[in-house]
Amino acid sequence: MDWIIFALLSVFAFSLASIFRRVVMKDDRSDAMASAIVFQLLEAVIIGVVAFWRGFILPPFPQYLMNYFFVGIFWSVATFFQFKAYQYLEASEAIIISTLETVIIIIAANLFLKEIFTLQMAIGTLFILIGVVTISKTKNKIFFNRGIFYSLGFCLFGGLGAVN
C-alpha cells in the first residue's frame, strides 16, 4: 500500500516542481543556472529527510565512483536544460516534450544494460512520439524553438542519468 502513497506524492511533487520551474523562469532575464542549483539543493534536502526517516544504507562509493561522477554531470546538465526549456515554453509543452526522456531511457537501457525491447515498450514509445509531434505542430507545421531544443537536451541527459 505504500506504493500508492508514494505514487500520489510523486505526482503532487512533480506538479509543484513544474509550476515552480515555470514561475521562476517566466521572463528572459531569469537565471537558469542559479535556479537549477537551488532546485537541486532543495531536492537534496527533501531526499535527505525521507532517507533518514525511512532508513538509508550508504552505497559502496569506491565500486561505483565513475557512475556517481557521470550521474552528477548528467543530472546537473539535465536540470539546467529543463529550467531553460521552461523559460521558452509553456509548462504543458515542456512536460509533454520531456516525456521523450522515457524513449531515451529505453534506448540507453537496450544499448548499455542489454534490456529487451518488448511490444509494450514499442507501443508506449509510439504514443510518446505521437504526443510530442502533436504538441509541436502549429498550423500544420512542426514548430521548433529554442525551448524545444532545451527540452530535448533535458531528455537526453536525464535519460542517460536515469540509466546510469
Protein backbone atom coordinates (compact mmCIF):
# COMPACT_ATOMS: atom_id res chain seq x y z
CA MET A 1 0.00 0.00 0.00
CA ASP A 2 2.99 2.32 0.46
CA TRP A 3 3.47 2.46 -3.30
CA ILE A 4 0.12 4.20 -3.80
CA ILE A 5 1.05 6.89 -1.30
CA PHE A 6 4.46 7.36 -2.90
CA ALA A 7 2.92 7.46 -6.40
CA LEU A 8 0.47 10.16 -5.32
CA LEU A 9 3.26 12.10 -3.60
CA SER A 10 5.33 11.80 -6.77
CA VAL A 11 2.54 13.21 -8.95
CA PHE A 12 1.95 16.03 -6.47
CA ALA A 13 5.67 16.84 -6.20
CA PHE A 14 6.15 16.69 -9.98
CA SER A 15 3.25 19.08 -10.50
CA LEU A 16 4.57 21.51 -7.90
CA ALA A 17 8.07 21.32 -9.41
CA SER A 18 6.70 22.09 -12.88
CA ILE A 19 4.77 25.08 -11.59
CA PHE A 20 7.84 26.25 -9.68
CA ARG A 21 10.03 25.98 -12.79
CA ARG A 22 7.56 27.93 -14.90
CA VAL A 23 7.09 30.69 -12.31
CA VAL A 24 10.83 31.06 -11.73
CA MET A 25 11.71 31.06 -15.44
CA LYS A 26 8.86 33.17 -16.82
CA ASP A 27 10.98 36.05 -18.16
CA ASP A 28 14.05 36.21 -20.37
CA ARG A 29 16.30 37.55 -17.63
CA SER A 30 15.79 34.57 -15.31
CA ASP A 31 18.99 32.73 -14.42
CA ALA A 32 18.60 29.04 -15.27
CA MET A 33 21.92 28.08 -13.66
CA ALA A 34 21.09 29.62 -10.28
CA SER A 35 17.56 28.21 -10.39
CA ALA A 36 18.87 24.72 -11.20
CA ILE A 37 21.36 24.87 -8.31
CA VAL A 38 18.71 26.00 -5.81
CA PHE A 39 16.28 23.36 -7.10
CA GLN A 40 18.89 20.59 -6.75
CA LEU A 41 19.71 21.71 -3.20
CA LEU A 42 16.02 21.70 -2.26
CA GLU A 43 15.68 18.20 -3.74
CA ALA A 44 18.71 17.04 -1.75
CA VAL A 45 17.18 18.31 1.49
CA ILE A 46 13.84 16.58 0.78
CA ILE A 47 15.54 13.33 -0.23
CA GLY A 48 17.78 13.52 2.84
CA VAL A 49 14.79 13.90 5.16
CA VAL A 50 12.97 10.97 3.54
CA ALA A 51 16.14 8.83 3.54
CA PHE A 52 16.74 9.34 7.25
CA TRP A 53 13.06 8.91 8.06
CA ARG A 54 12.66 5.66 6.07
CA GLY A 55 16.18 4.34 6.58
CA PHE A 56 19.22 4.61 4.38
CA ILE A 57 22.23 2.43 3.67
CA LEU A 58 25.23 4.16 2.16
CA PRO A 59 26.14 2.53 -1.19
CA PRO A 60 29.71 1.38 -1.89
CA PHE A 61 31.26 4.55 -3.34
CA PRO A 62 34.62 3.08 -4.49
CA GLN A 63 32.87 0.39 -6.51
CA TYR A 64 30.71 2.87 -8.45
CA LEU A 65 32.85 6.01 -8.40
CA MET A 66 32.63 6.67 -12.16
CA ASN A 67 28.86 6.12 -12.11
CA TYR A 68 28.44 8.71 -9.35
CA PHE A 69 30.62 11.16 -11.27
CA PHE A 70 28.63 10.75 -14.51
CA VAL A 71 25.22 10.75 -12.84
CA GLY A 72 26.12 14.05 -11.18
CA ILE A 73 27.13 15.54 -14.52
CA PHE A 74 24.10 14.15 -16.38
CA TRP A 75 21.53 15.34 -13.82
CA SER A 76 23.17 18.76 -13.43
CA VAL A 77 23.08 19.39 -17.17
CA ALA A 78 19.56 17.92 -17.42
CA THR A 79 18.26 20.20 -14.69
CA PHE A 80 19.84 23.25 -16.31
CA PHE A 81 18.28 22.36 -19.69
CA GLN A 82 14.93 21.78 -18.04
CA PHE A 83 14.92 25.24 -16.47
CA LYS A 84 15.97 26.80 -19.79
CA ALA A 85 13.14 24.91 -21.55
CA TYR A 86 10.62 26.36 -19.10
CA GLN A 87 11.95 29.81 -19.90
CA TYR A 88 10.86 29.46 -23.54
CA LEU A 89 7.93 27.01 -23.38
CA GLU A 90 4.62 26.78 -21.60
CA ALA A 91 4.59 24.25 -18.77
CA SER A 92 2.24 21.94 -20.70
CA GLU A 93 4.54 21.89 -23.74
CA ALA A 94 7.66 21.28 -21.65
CA ILE A 95 6.03 18.40 -19.77
CA ILE A 96 4.82 16.67 -22.93
CA ILE A 97 8.17 17.05 -24.70
CA SER A 98 10.00 15.84 -21.58
CA THR A 99 8.21 12.50 -21.92
CA LEU A 100 10.77 11.78 -24.63
CA GLU A 101 13.12 11.10 -21.72
CA THR A 102 11.40 7.71 -21.47
CA VAL A 103 12.37 6.95 -25.08
CA ILE A 104 15.99 7.83 -24.30
CA ILE A 105 15.86 5.59 -21.22
CA ILE A 106 14.54 2.69 -23.31
CA ILE A 107 17.22 3.15 -25.98
CA ALA A 108 20.05 3.57 -23.46
CA ALA A 109 18.86 0.60 -21.40
CA ASN A 110 18.85 -1.54 -24.55
CA LEU A 111 22.34 -0.39 -25.52
CA PHE A 112 24.11 -0.29 -22.16
CA LEU A 113 22.14 -2.65 -19.91
CA LYS A 114 21.15 -5.19 -22.59
CA GLU A 115 17.44 -4.79 -21.78
CA ILE A 116 14.94 -6.44 -24.11
CA PHE A 117 12.71 -4.16 -26.22
CA THR A 118 9.18 -5.52 -25.81
CA LEU A 119 6.00 -4.87 -27.76
CA GLN A 120 4.63 -2.94 -24.77
CA MET A 121 7.68 -0.65 -24.87
CA ALA A 122 7.25 -0.16 -28.62
CA ILE A 123 3.60 0.85 -28.20
CA GLY A 124 4.46 3.22 -25.35
CA THR A 125 7.27 4.76 -27.41
CA LEU A 126 4.89 5.26 -30.32
CA PHE A 127 2.35 7.05 -28.11
CA ILE A 128 5.06 9.29 -26.68
CA LEU A 129 6.31 10.23 -30.15
CA ILE A 130 2.76 10.92 -31.37
CA GLY A 131 2.16 13.18 -28.36
CA VAL A 132 5.38 15.11 -28.91
CA VAL A 133 4.70 15.63 -32.62
CA THR A 134 1.11 16.66 -31.90
CA ILE A 135 2.10 19.26 -29.31
CA SER A 136 4.87 20.59 -31.59
CA LYS A 137 2.50 21.20 -34.51
CA THR A 138 1.42 24.76 -35.14
CA LYS A 139 -0.74 25.48 -38.19
CA ASN A 140 0.18 22.16 -39.84
CA LYS A 141 3.90 22.86 -39.48
CA ILE A 142 6.27 21.41 -36.96
CA PHE A 143 7.34 24.34 -34.80
CA PHE A 144 10.77 24.23 -33.20
CA ASN A 145 12.08 26.95 -30.99
CA ARG A 146 14.92 27.23 -28.54
CA GLY A 147 12.76 25.81 -25.72
CA ILE A 148 12.13 22.58 -27.59
CA PHE A 149 15.86 22.05 -28.09
CA TYR A 150 16.49 22.70 -24.40
CA SER A 151 13.73 20.24 -23.55
CA LEU A 152 15.29 17.64 -25.87
CA GLY A 153 18.64 18.25 -24.14
CA PHE A 154 16.91 17.57 -20.83
CA CYS A 155 15.53 14.33 -22.25
CA LEU A 156 18.95 13.18 -23.43
CA PHE A 157 20.88 13.96 -20.25
CA GLY A 158 18.03 12.97 -17.91
CA GLY A 159 17.61 9.66 -19.72
CA LEU A 160 21.32 8.92 -19.56
CA GLY A 161 21.36 9.90 -15.89
CA ALA A 162 18.46 7.56 -15.13
CA VAL A 163 20.10 4.61 -16.89
CA ASN A 164 23.47 5.34 -15.29
